[in-house]
Amino acid sequence: MAKTYLKKWLIGGVDQWIMIQEDHTSEAKPVLLFVHGGPGSAQISYINSFHEELNRDFTVVHWDQRGAGLSYQNNLPNTSMTIQQFIEDTIELTEKILSYLGQSKLYIAGYSWGSLIAIQAVHKRPDLYHAYYGISQVVDVLKEDIVSYDLLLKKYHRNRLFAWCLRLLTPPPWKRLSAHALFSLYKELGSVGLTHKWKPLLQMLHSFIFSKEYQLKDKWKFLKGQKFSQDMLWDELMNESIEYRVSTILIPCYFIIGEYDMITPAAVSKPYVEQLKAPIKEWFTFKESAHSPHLEEPEEFIRTIKKTAVHHLQGKLDL
């Protein structure tokens, strides 16, 4: 019977935590590393309530990134909170997982902020990965804000109050974090933000409150870590773009986006994916989801992963 373990590993010079479910078949199963969103939105506390079935076919590794969740530390150097450091952490963690499990490659899935990190790790070290899954792929944060603002204004132009609120906010870019927070609230009210419906959010909250992996002090660390990560990474994130930096990936790529997503809208990510060069490339639209398709339609997400994650059966790809 499989058991869930929390492990503290030294990654990038600091202690970071992973969650892994192991049994006697772990060495034979393909490995799936999940890179969470945010910055700072660690998911160890709730993710198994959505994806427990994945553990039957994969050795799934969840990771609380530096400064997030269990990996939050008061003495973490501010200078280490850079996008490049997170990319290096991802690569180092991948190497440690492969060594620990005695495998040569793994599958990697990045969600939102995590997709920005994971796709660059894959671009830099394709030899470590079977395939890449970009969930709500981040391409260019400022462009995504601009496009989302225009789309939201068009969608609700007949709602005078909503349209007036958007115009009062003024179009991006915004220098004030409060403006970003207000825009996020508008997206949630329009059912085009984190989720399209409320049920997944309530499930996340329930799982977080009653989590076996997070004690009370860990829940407080999660909240502190999320604020710390946002504060440290926000300015760099708002100027980040992979549009021209990552134009070729040497492994299969699969992109999953929600139909209603206006955080990372398809109007930005799909043109990027269309010009991206990769040996295999597929696009999946989840019809009942906004920004969190893997949580809003977990059964469809698991089916998609199982259907496409077959590259470990082919041995080493000749790319």
C-alpha atoms as a PDB file:
ATOM      1  CA  MET A   1       0.000   0.000   0.000  1.00  0.00           C
ATOM      2  CA  ALA A   2       1.321   3.423  -0.968  1.00  0.00           C
ATOM      3  CA  LYS A   3       2.280   5.890   1.744  1.00  0.00           C
ATOM      4  CA  THR A   4       2.570   9.643   1.484  1.00  0.00           C
ATOM      5  CA  TYR A   5       5.829  11.125   2.700  1.00  0.00           C
ATOM      6  CA  LEU A   6       6.957  14.681   3.307  1.00  0.00           C
ATOM      7  CA  LYS A   7      10.677  15.134   2.693  1.00  0.00           C
ATOM      8  CA  LYS A   8      12.959  18.080   3.362  1.00  0.00           C
ATOM      9  CA  TRP A   9      15.741  18.395   0.807  1.00  0.00           C
ATOM     10  CA  LEU A  10      18.459  20.993   0.390  1.00  0.00           C
ATOM     11  CA  ILE A  11      17.787  22.677  -2.955  1.00  0.00           C
ATOM     12  CA  GLY A  12      19.563  25.793  -4.132  1.00  0.00           C
ATOM     13  CA  GLY A  13      21.252  26.095  -0.749  1.00  0.00           C
ATOM     14  CA  VAL A  14      18.010  26.209   1.286  1.00  0.00           C
ATOM     15  CA  ASP A  15      15.717  23.594   2.829  1.00  0.00           C
ATOM     16  CA  GLN A  16      12.668  22.901   0.651  1.00  0.00           C
ATOM     17  CA  TRP A  17       9.861  20.382   1.099  1.00  0.00           C
ATOM     18  CA  ILE A  18       8.334  17.869  -1.270  1.00  0.00           C
ATOM     19  CA  MET A  19       5.436  15.436  -0.945  1.00  0.00           C
ATOM     20  CA  ILE A  20       5.748  12.040  -2.605  1.00  0.00           C
ATOM     21  CA  GLN A  21       3.625   8.903  -2.475  1.00  0.00           C
ATOM     22  CA  GLU A  22       5.740   5.750  -2.574  1.00  0.00           C
ATOM     23  CA  ASP A  23       5.132   2.016  -2.618  1.00  0.00           C
ATOM     24  CA  HIS A  24       6.962  -1.054  -3.906  1.00  0.00           C
ATOM     25  CA  THR A  25       6.098  -0.105  -7.503  1.00  0.00           C
ATOM     26  CA  SER A  26       7.493   3.444  -7.298  1.00  0.00           C
ATOM     27  CA  GLU A  27      10.658   2.613  -9.206  1.00  0.00           C
ATOM     28  CA  ALA A  28       8.613   1.245 -12.114  1.00  0.00           C
ATOM     29  CA  LYS A  29       6.069   4.052 -12.358  1.00  0.00           C
ATOM     30  CA  PRO A  30       6.736   7.149 -14.462  1.00  0.00           C
ATOM     31  CA  VAL A  31       7.406  10.217 -12.335  1.00  0.00           C
ATOM     32  CA  LEU A  32       5.348  13.418 -12.565  1.00  0.00           C
ATOM     33  CA  LEU A  33       6.710  16.591 -10.957  1.00  0.00           C
ATOM     34  CA  PHE A  34       4.136  19.324 -10.352  1.00  0.00           C
ATOM     35  CA  VAL A  35       5.312  22.964 -10.175  1.00  0.00           C
ATOM     36  CA  HIS A  36       2.657  25.035  -8.393  1.00  0.00           C
ATOM     37  CA  GLY A  37       1.334  28.506  -9.179  1.00  0.00           C
ATOM     38  CA  GLY A  38       1.623  31.799  -7.395  1.00  0.00           C
ATOM     39  CA  PRO A  39       4.185  33.074  -6.804  1.00  0.00           C
ATOM     40  CA  GLY A  40       3.882  31.419  -3.404  1.00  0.00           C
ATOM     41  CA  SER A  41       0.662  29.406  -3.889  1.00  0.00           C
ATOM     42  CA  ALA A  42       1.888  26.091  -2.493  1.00  0.00           C
ATOM     43  CA  GLN A  43      -0.519  23.194  -3.010  1.00  0.00           C
ATOM     44  CA  ILE A  44       0.664  20.270  -0.869  1.00  0.00           C
ATOM     45  CA  SER A  45      -2.133  20.911   1.644  1.00  0.00           C
ATOM     46  CA  TYR A  46      -5.018  20.294  -0.773  1.00  0.00           C
ATOM     47  CA  ILE A  47      -3.897  18.770  -4.074  1.00  0.00           C
ATOM     48  CA  ASN A  48      -4.548  15.110  -3.266  1.00  0.00           C
ATOM     49  CA  SER A  49      -8.239  15.852  -2.751  1.00  0.00           C
ATOM     50  CA  PHE A  50      -8.328  16.557  -6.502  1.00  0.00           C
ATOM     51  CA  HIS A  51      -5.686  14.240  -7.967  1.00  0.00           C
ATOM     52  CA  GLU A  52      -5.434  11.177  -5.739  1.00  0.00           C
ATOM     53  CA  GLU A  53      -6.121   8.921  -8.732  1.00  0.00           C
ATOM     54  CA  LEU A  54      -2.920  10.083 -10.444  1.00  0.00           C
ATOM     55  CA  ASN A  55      -0.926   8.281  -7.761  1.00  0.00           C
ATOM     56  CA  ARG A  56      -2.100   4.925  -9.096  1.00  0.00           C
ATOM     57  CA  ASP A  57      -0.205   5.343 -12.358  1.00  0.00           C
ATOM     58  CA  PHE A  58       2.510   7.858 -11.493  1.00  0.00           C
ATOM     59  CA  THR A  59       4.905   8.615  -8.705  1.00  0.00           C
ATOM     60  CA  VAL A  60       3.693  12.196  -8.259  1.00  0.00           C
ATOM     61  CA  VAL A  61       5.956  14.744  -6.594  1.00  0.00           C
ATOM     62  CA  HIS A  62       4.533  18.006  -5.251  1.00  0.00           C
ATOM     63  CA  TRP A  63       6.927  20.730  -4.195  1.00  0.00           C
ATOM     64  CA  ASP A  64       6.513  23.742  -1.948  1.00  0.00           C
ATOM     65  CA  GLN A  65       8.881  26.147  -3.705  1.00  0.00           C
ATOM     66  CA  ARG A  66      11.361  28.353  -1.864  1.00  0.00           C
ATOM     67  CA  GLY A  67       9.529  30.945   0.201  1.00  0.00           C
ATOM     68  CA  ALA A  68       6.192  29.100  -0.100  1.00  0.00           C
ATOM     69  CA  GLY A  69       4.210  26.850   2.239  1.00  0.00           C
ATOM     70  CA  LEU A  70       6.390  24.428   4.189  1.00  0.00           C
ATOM     71  CA  SER A  71       9.476  25.903   2.492  1.00  0.00           C
ATOM     72  CA  TYR A  72       8.889  29.412   3.843  1.00  0.00           C
ATOM     73  CA  GLN A  73      11.672  30.623   6.152  1.00  0.00           C
ATOM     74  CA  ASN A  74      12.013  33.944   7.946  1.00  0.00           C
ATOM     75  CA  ASN A  75      15.721  34.120   7.134  1.00  0.00           C
ATOM     76  CA  LEU A  76      15.446  33.352   3.416  1.00  0.00           C
ATOM     77  CA  PRO A  77      17.662  35.880   1.569  1.00  0.00           C
ATOM     78  CA  ASN A  78      15.605  38.322  -0.477  1.00  0.00           C
ATOM     79  CA  THR A  79      18.291  38.205  -3.162  1.00  0.00           C
ATOM     80  CA  SER A  80      17.556  34.516  -3.772  1.00  0.00           C
ATOM     81  CA  MET A  81      13.969  35.251  -4.806  1.00  0.00           C
ATOM     82  CA  THR A  82      14.517  35.574  -8.546  1.00  0.00           C
ATOM     83  CA  ILE A  83      12.946  33.797 -11.495  1.00  0.00           C
ATOM     84  CA  GLN A  84      16.339  32.452 -12.535  1.00  0.00           C
ATOM     85  CA  GLN A  85      16.851  30.922  -9.085  1.00  0.00           C
ATOM     86  CA  PHE A  86      13.479  29.157  -9.297  1.00  0.00           C
ATOM     87  CA  ILE A  87      14.466  27.713 -12.682  1.00  0.00           C
ATOM     88  CA  GLU A  88      17.723  26.435 -11.186  1.00  0.00           C
ATOM     89  CA  ASP A  89      15.803  25.026  -8.201  1.00  0.00           C
ATOM     90  CA  THR A  90      13.497  23.150 -10.575  1.00  0.00           C
ATOM     91  CA  ILE A  91      16.411  21.580 -12.429  1.00  0.00           C
ATOM     92  CA  GLU A  92      18.230  20.648  -9.219  1.00  0.00           C
ATOM     93  CA  LEU A  93      15.072  19.157  -7.710  1.00  0.00           C
ATOM     94  CA  THR A  94      14.501  17.153 -10.903  1.00  0.00           C
ATOM     95  CA  GLU A  95      18.005  15.696 -10.690  1.00  0.00           C
ATOM     96  CA  LYS A  96      17.527  14.794  -7.021  1.00  0.00           C
ATOM     97  CA  ILE A  97      14.181  13.079  -7.705  1.00  0.00           C
ATOM     98  CA  LEU A  98      15.623  11.057 -10.586  1.00  0.00           C
ATOM     99  CA  SER A  99      18.594   9.987  -8.490  1.00  0.00           C
ATOM    100  CA  TYR A 100      16.358   9.107  -5.528  1.00  0.00           C
ATOM    101  CA  LEU A 101      13.987   6.988  -7.650  1.00  0.00           C
ATOM    102  CA  GLY A 102      16.609   5.551  -9.974  1.00  0.00           C
ATOM    103  CA  GLN A 103      15.092   6.949 -13.167  1.00  0.00           C
ATOM    104  CA  SER A 104      16.548   8.903 -16.067  1.00  0.00           C
ATOM    105  CA  LYS A 105      13.656  11.250 -16.938  1.00  0.00           C
ATOM    106  CA  LEU A 106      10.345  12.492 -15.593  1.00  0.00           C
ATOM    107  CA  TYR A 107       7.212  14.328 -16.707  1.00  0.00           C
ATOM    108  CA  ILE A 108       6.822  17.904 -15.516  1.00  0.00           C
ATOM    109  CA  ALA A 109       3.642  19.970 -15.188  1.00  0.00           C
ATOM    110  CA  GLY A 110       3.726  23.688 -14.467  1.00  0.00           C
ATOM    111  CA  TYR A 111       0.632  25.623 -13.429  1.00  0.00           C
ATOM    112  CA  SER A 112       0.368  29.390 -14.057  1.00  0.00           C
ATOM    113  CA  TRP A 113       3.449  30.916 -12.356  1.00  0.00           C
ATOM    114  CA  GLY A 114       4.802  27.362 -12.253  1.00  0.00           C
ATOM    115  CA  SER A 115       4.449  27.101 -16.038  1.00  0.00           C
ATOM    116  CA  LEU A 116       6.688  30.140 -16.449  1.00  0.00           C
ATOM    117  CA  ILE A 117       9.369  28.383 -14.372  1.00  0.00           C
ATOM    118  CA  ALA A 118       8.916  24.837 -15.672  1.00  0.00           C
ATOM    119  CA  ILE A 119       8.969  25.689 -19.381  1.00  0.00           C
ATOM    120  CA  GLN A 120      12.296  27.469 -18.941  1.00  0.00           C
ATOM    121  CA  ALA A 121      13.730  24.529 -17.000  1.00  0.00           C
ATOM    122  CA  VAL A 122      12.613  22.217 -19.820  1.00  0.00           C
ATOM    123  CA  HIS A 123      14.106  24.569 -22.412  1.00  0.00           C
ATOM    124  CA  LYS A 124      17.415  24.572 -20.568  1.00  0.00           C
ATOM    125  CA  ARG A 125      17.601  20.844 -19.733  1.00  0.00           C
ATOM    126  CA  PRO A 126      15.375  18.802 -22.077  1.00  0.00           C
ATOM    127  CA  ASP A 127      17.463  15.708 -21.345  1.00  0.00           C
ATOM    128  CA  LEU A 128      15.824  15.441 -17.907  1.00  0.00           C
ATOM    129  CA  TYR A 129      12.202  15.298 -19.082  1.00  0.00           C
ATOM    130  CA  HIS A 130       9.894  12.992 -21.043  1.00  0.00           C
ATOM    131  CA  ALA A 131       7.330  15.722 -21.750  1.00  0.00           C
ATOM    132  CA  TYR A 132       6.054  19.083 -20.547  1.00  0.00           C
ATOM    133  CA  TYR A 133       2.526  20.085 -19.472  1.00  0.00           C
ATOM    134  CA  GLY A 134       1.748  23.806 -19.421  1.00  0.00           C
ATOM    135  CA  ILE A 135      -1.430  24.432 -17.422  1.00  0.00           C
ATOM    136  CA  SER A 136      -2.732  27.999 -17.879  1.00  0.00           C
ATOM    137  CA  GLN A 137       0.565  28.828 -19.539  1.00  0.00           C
ATOM    138  CA  VAL A 138       2.095  32.192 -18.670  1.00  0.00           C
ATOM    139  CA  VAL A 139       3.729  33.895 -21.657  1.00  0.00           C
ATOM    140  CA  ASP A 140       3.905  37.640 -21.003  1.00  0.00           C
ATOM    141  CA  VAL A 141       2.266  38.910 -17.812  1.00  0.00           C
ATOM    142  CA  LEU A 142       1.844  42.537 -18.881  1.00  0.00           C
ATOM    143  CA  LYS A 143       0.408  41.556 -22.257  1.00  0.00           C
ATOM    144  CA  GLU A 144      -1.968  39.130 -20.524  1.00  0.00           C
ATOM    145  CA  ASP A 145      -3.232  41.933 -18.281  1.00  0.00           C
ATOM    146  CA  ILE A 146      -3.776  44.264 -21.246  1.00  0.00           C
ATOM    147  CA  VAL A 147      -5.606  41.634 -23.296  1.00  0.00           C
ATOM    148  CA  SER A 148      -7.687  40.487 -20.318  1.00  0.00           C
ATOM    149  CA  TYR A 149      -8.744  44.057 -19.555  1.00  0.00           C
ATOM    150  CA  ASP A 150      -9.943  44.590 -23.137  1.00  0.00           C
ATOM    151  CA  LEU A 151     -11.727  41.232 -23.237  1.00  0.00           C
ATOM    152  CA  LEU A 152     -13.462  41.878 -19.919  1.00  0.00           C
ATOM    153  CA  LEU A 153     -14.569  45.349 -21.030  1.00  0.00           C
ATOM    154  CA  LYS A 154     -16.048  43.901 -24.236  1.00  0.00           C
ATOM    155  CA  LYS A 155     -17.706  41.025 -22.395  1.00  0.00           C
ATOM    156  CA  TYR A 156     -19.488  43.307 -19.921  1.00  0.00           C
ATOM    157  CA  HIS A 157     -19.987  46.450 -21.998  1.00  0.00           C
ATOM    158  CA  ARG A 158     -23.761  46.237 -21.461  1.00  0.00           C
ATOM    159  CA  ASN A 159     -23.355  46.040 -17.696  1.00  0.00           C
ATOM    160  CA  ARG A 160     -23.005  49.761 -17.012  1.00  0.00           C
ATOM    161  CA  LEU A 161     -21.803  49.405 -13.424  1.00  0.00           C
ATOM    162  CA  PHE A 162     -19.197  46.765 -14.240  1.00  0.00           C
ATOM    163  CA  ALA A 163     -17.968  48.670 -17.315  1.00  0.00           C
ATOM    164  CA  TRP A 164     -17.820  51.900 -15.286  1.00  0.00           C
ATOM    165  CA  CYS A 165     -15.716  50.170 -12.608  1.00  0.00           C
ATOM    166  CA  LEU A 166     -13.289  48.874 -15.233  1.00  0.00           C
ATOM    167  CA  ARG A 167     -12.945  52.286 -16.865  1.00  0.00           C
ATOM    168  CA  LEU A 168     -12.426  53.895 -13.480  1.00  0.00           C
ATOM    169  CA  LEU A 169      -9.603  51.429 -12.854  1.00  0.00           C
ATOM    170  CA  THR A 170      -8.046  52.521 -16.203  1.00  0.00           C
ATOM    171  CA  PRO A 171      -6.210  50.095 -18.526  1.00  0.00           C
ATOM    172  CA  PRO A 172      -2.944  48.425 -17.470  1.00  0.00           C
ATOM    173  CA  PRO A 173      -0.092  48.746 -16.787  1.00  0.00           C
ATOM    174  CA  TRP A 174      -0.634  49.636 -13.143  1.00  0.00           C
ATOM    175  CA  LYS A 175       2.027  50.628 -10.666  1.00  0.00           C
ATOM    176  CA  ARG A 176      -0.120  50.018  -7.596  1.00  0.00           C
ATOM    177  CA  LEU A 177      -0.622  46.469  -6.283  1.00  0.00           C
ATOM    178  CA  SER A 178      -4.082  47.568  -5.176  1.00  0.00           C
ATOM    179  CA  ALA A 179      -5.048  48.060  -8.840  1.00  0.00           C
ATOM    180  CA  HIS A 180      -3.969  44.496  -9.646  1.00  0.00           C
ATOM    181  CA  ALA A 181      -5.924  43.227  -6.657  1.00  0.00           C
ATOM    182  CA  LEU A 182      -9.033  45.113  -7.774  1.00  0.00           C
ATOM    183  CA  PHE A 183      -8.712  43.767 -11.319  1.00  0.00           C
ATOM    184  CA  SER A 184      -8.394  40.242  -9.897  1.00  0.00           C
ATOM    185  CA  LEU A 185     -11.581  40.807  -7.915  1.00  0.00           C
ATOM    186  CA  TYR A 186     -13.418  41.910 -11.074  1.00  0.00           C
ATOM    187  CA  LYS A 187     -12.315  38.729 -12.829  1.00  0.00           C
ATOM    188  CA  GLU A 188     -13.556  36.612  -9.948  1.00  0.00           C
ATOM    189  CA  LEU A 189     -16.901  38.403  -9.995  1.00  0.00           C
ATOM    190  CA  GLY A 190     -17.095  37.747 -13.717  1.00  0.00           C
ATOM    191  CA  SER A 191     -16.345  34.002 -13.245  1.00  0.00           C
ATOM    192  CA  VAL A 192     -13.243  34.310 -15.415  1.00  0.00           C
ATOM    193  CA  GLY A 193     -10.580  34.372 -12.705  1.00  0.00           C
ATOM    194  CA  LEU A 194      -9.117  31.594 -10.594  1.00  0.00           C
ATOM    195  CA  THR A 195     -12.160  29.367 -11.168  1.00  0.00           C
ATOM    196  CA  HIS A 196     -15.327  29.536 -13.259  1.00  0.00           C
ATOM    197  CA  LYS A 197     -17.480  28.133 -10.442  1.00  0.00           C
ATOM    198  CA  TRP A 198     -17.159  28.307  -6.657  1.00  0.00           C
ATOM    199  CA  LYS A 199     -17.106  24.576  -5.872  1.00  0.00           C
ATOM    200  CA  PRO A 200     -13.358  23.999  -6.496  1.00  0.00           C
ATOM    201  CA  LEU A 201     -12.470  26.997  -4.309  1.00  0.00           C
ATOM    202  CA  LEU A 202     -14.587  25.637  -1.463  1.00  0.00           C
ATOM    203  CA  GLN A 203     -12.948  22.230  -1.875  1.00  0.00           C
ATOM    204  CA  MET A 204      -9.506  23.826  -1.754  1.00  0.00           C
ATOM    205  CA  LEU A 205     -10.414  25.751   1.397  1.00  0.00           C
ATOM    206  CA  HIS A 206     -11.872  22.691   3.116  1.00  0.00           C
ATOM    207  CA  SER A 207      -8.823  20.576   2.259  1.00  0.00           C
ATOM    208  CA  PHE A 208      -6.461  23.336   3.417  1.00  0.00           C
ATOM    209  CA  ILE A 209      -8.237  23.713   6.785  1.00  0.00           C
ATOM    210  CA  PHE A 210      -8.317  19.968   7.473  1.00  0.00           C
ATOM    211  CA  SER A 211      -4.979  19.125   5.845  1.00  0.00           C
ATOM    212  CA  LYS A 212      -2.961  16.247   7.334  1.00  0.00           C
ATOM    213  CA  GLU A 213       0.203  17.587   5.732  1.00  0.00           C
ATOM    214  CA  TYR A 214      -0.065  21.110   7.195  1.00  0.00           C
ATOM    215  CA  GLN A 215      -0.212  21.630  10.935  1.00  0.00           C
ATOM    216  CA  LEU A 216      -1.596  24.904  12.317  1.00  0.00           C
ATOM    217  CA  LYS A 217       1.818  26.582  12.226  1.00  0.00           C
ATOM    218  CA  ASP A 218       2.251  25.438   8.617  1.00  0.00           C
ATOM    219  CA  LYS A 219      -1.004  27.091   7.600  1.00  0.00           C
ATOM    220  CA  TRP A 220       0.329  30.341   9.009  1.00  0.00           C
ATOM    221  CA  LYS A 221       3.603  29.783   7.111  1.00  0.00           C
ATOM    222  CA  PHE A 222       1.562  29.298   3.929  1.00  0.00           C
ATOM    223  CA  LEU A 223      -0.102  32.702   4.365  1.00  0.00           C
ATOM    224  CA  LYS A 224       3.172  34.431   5.233  1.00  0.00           C
ATOM    225  CA  GLY A 225       4.953  32.702   2.357  1.00  0.00           C
ATOM    226  CA  GLN A 226       2.375  33.741  -0.180  1.00  0.00           C
ATOM    227  CA  LYS A 227       2.701  37.421   0.765  1.00  0.00           C
ATOM    228  CA  PHE A 228       6.485  37.203   0.930  1.00  0.00           C
ATOM    229  CA  SER A 229       6.725  35.530  -2.494  1.00  0.00           C
ATOM    230  CA  GLN A 230       4.394  38.062  -4.101  1.00  0.00           C
ATOM    231  CA  ASP A 231       6.309  40.976  -2.592  1.00  0.00           C
ATOM    232  CA  MET A 232       9.704  39.635  -3.647  1.00  0.00           C
ATOM    233  CA  LEU A 233       8.842  38.490  -7.180  1.00  0.00           C
ATOM    234  CA  TRP A 234       6.062  40.787  -8.380  1.00  0.00           C
ATOM    235  CA  ASP A 235       8.155  43.458 -10.107  1.00  0.00           C
ATOM    236  CA  GLU A 236      10.287  40.919 -11.957  1.00  0.00           C
ATOM    237  CA  LEU A 237       7.221  38.879 -12.888  1.00  0.00           C
ATOM    238  CA  MET A 238       5.481  41.905 -14.407  1.00  0.00           C
ATOM    239  CA  ASN A 239       8.435  42.374 -16.757  1.00  0.00           C
ATOM    240  CA  GLU A 240       8.875  38.716 -17.642  1.00  0.00           C
ATOM    241  CA  SER A 241       8.154  37.263 -21.105  1.00  0.00           C
ATOM    242  CA  ILE A 242       9.073  33.955 -22.725  1.00  0.00           C
ATOM    243  CA  GLU A 243       7.584  34.914 -26.087  1.00  0.00           C
ATOM    244  CA  TYR A 244      10.937  35.127 -27.881  1.00  0.00           C
ATOM    245  CA  ARG A 245      13.258  33.603 -25.284  1.00  0.00           C
ATOM    246  CA  VAL A 246      11.704  30.137 -25.476  1.00  0.00           C
ATOM    247  CA  SER A 247      10.933  29.482 -29.135  1.00  0.00           C
ATOM    248  CA  THR A 248      11.993  25.829 -29.353  1.00  0.00           C
ATOM    249  CA  ILE A 249      11.538  22.912 -26.955  1.00  0.00           C
ATOM    250  CA  LEU A 250      13.104  19.554 -27.759  1.00  0.00           C
ATOM    251  CA  ILE A 251      10.488  17.388 -26.018  1.00  0.00           C
ATOM    252  CA  PRO A 252       6.718  16.838 -26.432  1.00  0.00           C
ATOM    253  CA  CYS A 253       4.593  19.688 -25.073  1.00  0.00           C
ATOM    254  CA  TYR A 254       0.951  19.698 -23.991  1.00  0.00           C
ATOM    255  CA  PHE A 255      -0.932  22.877 -23.110  1.00  0.00           C
ATOM    256  CA  ILE A 256      -4.128  22.910 -21.047  1.00  0.00           C
ATOM    257  CA  ILE A 257      -6.265  26.038 -20.676  1.00  0.00           C
ATOM    258  CA  GLY A 258      -9.724  26.855 -19.406  1.00  0.00           C
ATOM    259  CA  GLU A 259     -12.303  28.264 -21.813  1.00  0.00           C
ATOM    260  CA  TYR A 260     -13.110  31.155 -19.432  1.00  0.00           C
ATOM    261  CA  ASP A 261      -9.565  31.999 -18.326  1.00  0.00           C
ATOM    262  CA  MET A 262      -8.871  35.743 -18.337  1.00  0.00           C
ATOM    263  CA  ILE A 263      -5.779  35.543 -16.150  1.00  0.00           C
ATOM    264  CA  THR A 264      -3.719  33.831 -18.832  1.00  0.00           C
ATOM    265  CA  PRO A 265      -6.094  34.215 -21.807  1.00  0.00           C
ATOM    266  CA  ALA A 266      -5.802  31.966 -24.847  1.00  0.00           C
ATOM    267  CA  ALA A 267      -5.611  35.119 -26.964  1.00  0.00           C
ATOM    268  CA  VAL A 268      -2.015  35.449 -25.699  1.00  0.00           C
ATOM    269  CA  SER A 269      -0.934  31.866 -25.050  1.00  0.00           C
ATOM    270  CA  LYS A 270      -2.331  30.178 -28.177  1.00  0.00           C
ATOM    271  CA  PRO A 271      -0.416  32.341 -30.716  1.00  0.00           C
ATOM    272  CA  TYR A 272       2.717  31.633 -28.683  1.00  0.00           C
ATOM    273  CA  VAL A 273       2.071  27.877 -28.715  1.00  0.00           C
ATOM    274  CA  GLU A 274       1.361  27.965 -32.451  1.00  0.00           C
ATOM    275  CA  GLN A 275       4.784  29.415 -33.211  1.00  0.00           C
ATOM    276  CA  LEU A 276       6.595  27.241 -30.645  1.00  0.00           C
ATOM    277  CA  LYS A 277       8.697  24.494 -32.238  1.00  0.00           C
ATOM    278  CA  ALA A 278       8.439  21.073 -30.578  1.00  0.00           C
ATOM    279  CA  PRO A 279       8.477  17.432 -31.783  1.00  0.00           C
ATOM    280  CA  ILE A 280       4.920  16.919 -30.462  1.00  0.00           C
ATOM    281  CA  LYS A 281       2.590  19.763 -29.538  1.00  0.00           C
ATOM    282  CA  GLU A 282      -1.052  19.603 -28.470  1.00  0.00           C
ATOM    283  CA  TRP A 283      -3.573  22.130 -27.143  1.00  0.00           C
ATOM    284  CA  PHE A 284      -6.458  21.177 -24.839  1.00  0.00           C
ATOM    285  CA  THR A 285      -9.312  23.525 -23.956  1.00  0.00           C
ATOM    286  CA  PHE A 286     -11.340  22.627 -20.860  1.00  0.00           C
ATOM    287  CA  LYS A 287     -14.852  23.886 -21.518  1.00  0.00           C
ATOM    288  CA  GLU A 288     -16.021  24.323 -17.904  1.00  0.00           C
ATOM    289  CA  SER A 289     -12.906  25.979 -16.481  1.00  0.00           C
ATOM    290  CA  ALA A 290     -11.296  29.353 -15.997  1.00  0.00           C
ATOM    291  CA  HIS A 291      -7.695  29.634 -14.722  1.00  0.00           C
ATOM    292  CA  SER A 292      -7.535  26.284 -12.848  1.00  0.00           C
ATOM    293  CA  PRO A 293      -8.580  23.541 -15.296  1.00  0.00           C
ATOM    294  CA  HIS A 294      -6.679  20.841 -13.376  1.00  0.00           C
ATOM    295  CA  LEU A 295      -8.817  21.617 -10.290  1.00  0.00           C
ATOM    296  CA  GLU A 296     -12.099  22.537 -11.970  1.00  0.00           C
ATOM    297  CA  GLU A 297     -12.211  19.455 -14.197  1.00  0.00           C
ATOM    298  CA  PRO A 298      -9.894  17.010 -12.410  1.00  0.00           C
ATOM    299  CA  GLU A 299     -11.278  13.885 -14.099  1.00  0.00           C
ATOM    300  CA  GLU A 300     -10.662  15.381 -17.559  1.00  0.00           C
ATOM    301  CA  PHE A 301      -7.209  16.537 -16.459  1.00  0.00           C
ATOM    302  CA  ILE A 302      -6.259  13.052 -15.259  1.00  0.00           C
ATOM    303  CA  ARG A 303      -7.581  11.507 -18.493  1.00  0.00           C
ATOM    304  CA  THR A 304      -5.499  13.973 -20.503  1.00  0.00           C
ATOM    305  CA  ILE A 305      -2.345  13.157 -18.559  1.00  0.00           C
ATOM    306  CA  LYS A 306      -2.858   9.396 -18.860  1.00  0.00           C
ATOM    307  CA  LYS A 307      -3.634   9.657 -22.570  1.00  0.00           C
ATOM    308  CA  THR A 308      -0.529  11.663 -23.427  1.00  0.00           C
ATOM    309  CA  ALA A 309       2.115  10.539 -20.911  1.00  0.00           C
ATOM    310  CA  VAL A 310       3.379   7.575 -22.917  1.00  0.00           C
ATOM    311  CA  HIS A 311       6.860   8.785 -23.799  1.00  0.00           C
ATOM    312  CA  HIS A 312       8.533   6.772 -21.030  1.00  0.00           C
ATOM    313  CA  LEU A 313       7.420   3.640 -22.897  1.00  0.00           C
ATOM    314  CA  GLN A 314       9.449   4.654 -25.941  1.00  0.00           C
ATOM    315  CA  GLY A 315      12.772   4.732 -24.165  1.00  0.00           C
ATOM    316  CA  LYS A 316      15.067   7.591 -25.001  1.00  0.00           C
ATOM    317  CA  LEU A 317      13.518   9.817 -27.650  1.00  0.00           C
ATOM    318  CA  ASP A 318      15.657  10.425 -30.700  1.00  0.00           C
ATOM    319  CA  LEU A 319      15.084  14.158 -31.110  1.00  0.00           C
END
